[in-house]
Amino acid sequence: MNEFIVSGVFRAGSSREQFKKIVSSQNKKNAIEKVYSLLGSEHGLKRNLIEIADISELGESGAE
């Protein structure tokens, strides 16, 4: 599996908080879904409160 860095902002009350998550996933689409799931469970957020700004691939995990 590849590792992705997903960054963006989410609304927390009246302010906006930045986040950066590193997730293992097969592709970018699944990485985005995983971030929605993680932020939703950690902060009680709905998807419309999460704005993903950038996603980049780190490379294959365990290949070093």
C-alpha atoms as a PDB file:
ATOM      1  CA  MET A   1       0.000   0.000   0.000  1.00  0.00           C
ATOM      2  CA  ASN A   2       1.061   3.564  -0.618  1.00  0.00           C
ATOM      3  CA  GLU A   3       1.171   6.354   1.930  1.00  0.00           C
ATOM      4  CA  PHE A   4      -0.483   9.683   1.239  1.00  0.00           C
ATOM      5  CA  ILE A   5      -0.243  13.060   2.962  1.00  0.00           C
ATOM      6  CA  VAL A   6      -3.663  14.704   3.010  1.00  0.00           C
ATOM      7  CA  SER A   7      -3.960  18.304   4.192  1.00  0.00           C
ATOM      8  CA  GLY A   8      -6.717  20.867   4.424  1.00  0.00           C
ATOM      9  CA  VAL A   9      -8.983  22.663   6.876  1.00  0.00           C
ATOM     10  CA  PHE A  10     -12.113  21.879   8.834  1.00  0.00           C
ATOM     11  CA  ARG A  11     -14.619  24.076  10.592  1.00  0.00           C
ATOM     12  CA  ALA A  12     -14.554  23.824  14.374  1.00  0.00           C
ATOM     13  CA  GLY A  13     -17.258  26.062  15.788  1.00  0.00           C
ATOM     14  CA  SER A  14     -16.699  29.543  14.403  1.00  0.00           C
ATOM     15  CA  SER A  15     -13.015  28.986  13.560  1.00  0.00           C
ATOM     16  CA  ARG A  16     -11.200  26.933  10.931  1.00  0.00           C
ATOM     17  CA  GLU A  17      -8.506  24.449  11.927  1.00  0.00           C
ATOM     18  CA  GLN A  18      -5.775  23.153   9.631  1.00  0.00           C
ATOM     19  CA  PHE A  19      -4.923  19.459   9.520  1.00  0.00           C
ATOM     20  CA  LYS A  20      -2.357  17.166   7.943  1.00  0.00           C
ATOM     21  CA  LYS A  21      -2.826  13.390   8.032  1.00  0.00           C
ATOM     22  CA  ILE A  22      -0.618  10.589   6.752  1.00  0.00           C
ATOM     23  CA  VAL A  23      -2.694   7.563   5.744  1.00  0.00           C
ATOM     24  CA  SER A  24      -1.964   4.229   4.057  1.00  0.00           C
ATOM     25  CA  SER A  25      -4.230   3.479   1.138  1.00  0.00           C
ATOM     26  CA  GLN A  26      -4.364   1.832  -2.279  1.00  0.00           C
ATOM     27  CA  ASN A  27      -5.204   5.054  -4.147  1.00  0.00           C
ATOM     28  CA  LYS A  28      -6.006   8.759  -3.678  1.00  0.00           C
ATOM     29  CA  LYS A  29      -9.768   8.262  -3.604  1.00  0.00           C
ATOM     30  CA  ASN A  30      -9.558   5.762  -0.745  1.00  0.00           C
ATOM     31  CA  ALA A  31      -7.076   7.998   1.103  1.00  0.00           C
ATOM     32  CA  ILE A  32      -9.577  10.870   0.977  1.00  0.00           C
ATOM     33  CA  GLU A  33     -12.358   8.605   2.256  1.00  0.00           C
ATOM     34  CA  LYS A  34     -10.125   7.461   5.117  1.00  0.00           C
ATOM     35  CA  VAL A  35      -9.397  11.079   6.125  1.00  0.00           C
ATOM     36  CA  TYR A  36     -13.123  11.913   6.094  1.00  0.00           C
ATOM     37  CA  SER A  37     -13.699   8.888   8.328  1.00  0.00           C
ATOM     38  CA  LEU A  38     -10.838   9.705  10.732  1.00  0.00           C
ATOM     39  CA  LEU A  39     -11.756  13.375  11.154  1.00  0.00           C
ATOM     40  CA  GLY A  40     -15.422  12.499  11.478  1.00  0.00           C
ATOM     41  CA  SER A  41     -14.765  10.059  14.292  1.00  0.00           C
ATOM     42  CA  GLU A  42     -12.113  12.148  16.085  1.00  0.00           C
ATOM     43  CA  HIS A  43     -13.909  15.503  15.949  1.00  0.00           C
ATOM     44  CA  GLY A  44     -17.532  14.598  15.231  1.00  0.00           C
ATOM     45  CA  LEU A  45     -17.466  16.372  11.853  1.00  0.00           C
ATOM     46  CA  LYS A  46     -19.663  15.880   8.833  1.00  0.00           C
ATOM     47  CA  ARG A  47     -18.086  15.714   5.391  1.00  0.00           C
ATOM     48  CA  ASN A  48     -19.374  19.143   4.350  1.00  0.00           C
ATOM     49  CA  LEU A  49     -17.300  20.744   7.151  1.00  0.00           C
ATOM     50  CA  ILE A  50     -14.029  19.221   5.867  1.00  0.00           C
ATOM     51  CA  GLU A  51     -12.174  20.859   2.982  1.00  0.00           C
ATOM     52  CA  ILE A  52      -9.280  18.887   1.504  1.00  0.00           C
ATOM     53  CA  ALA A  53      -6.697  21.199  -0.068  1.00  0.00           C
ATOM     54  CA  ASP A  54      -3.885  18.864  -1.127  1.00  0.00           C
ATOM     55  CA  ILE A  55      -3.064  15.188  -1.415  1.00  0.00           C
ATOM     56  CA  SER A  56       0.385  13.870  -2.273  1.00  0.00           C
ATOM     57  CA  GLU A  57       1.889  10.401  -2.389  1.00  0.00           C
ATOM     58  CA  LEU A  58       4.829   9.540  -0.141  1.00  0.00           C
ATOM     59  CA  GLY A  59       5.626   6.245  -1.842  1.00  0.00           C
ATOM     60  CA  GLU A  60       5.237   2.585  -1.126  1.00  0.00           C
ATOM     61  CA  SER A  61       5.379   1.725   2.569  1.00  0.00           C
ATOM     62  CA  GLY A  62       8.068  -0.718   3.557  1.00  0.00           C
ATOM     63  CA  ALA A  63      10.083  -0.168   0.369  1.00  0.00           C
ATOM     64  CA  GLU A  64      12.949   1.615   2.129  1.00  0.00           C
END
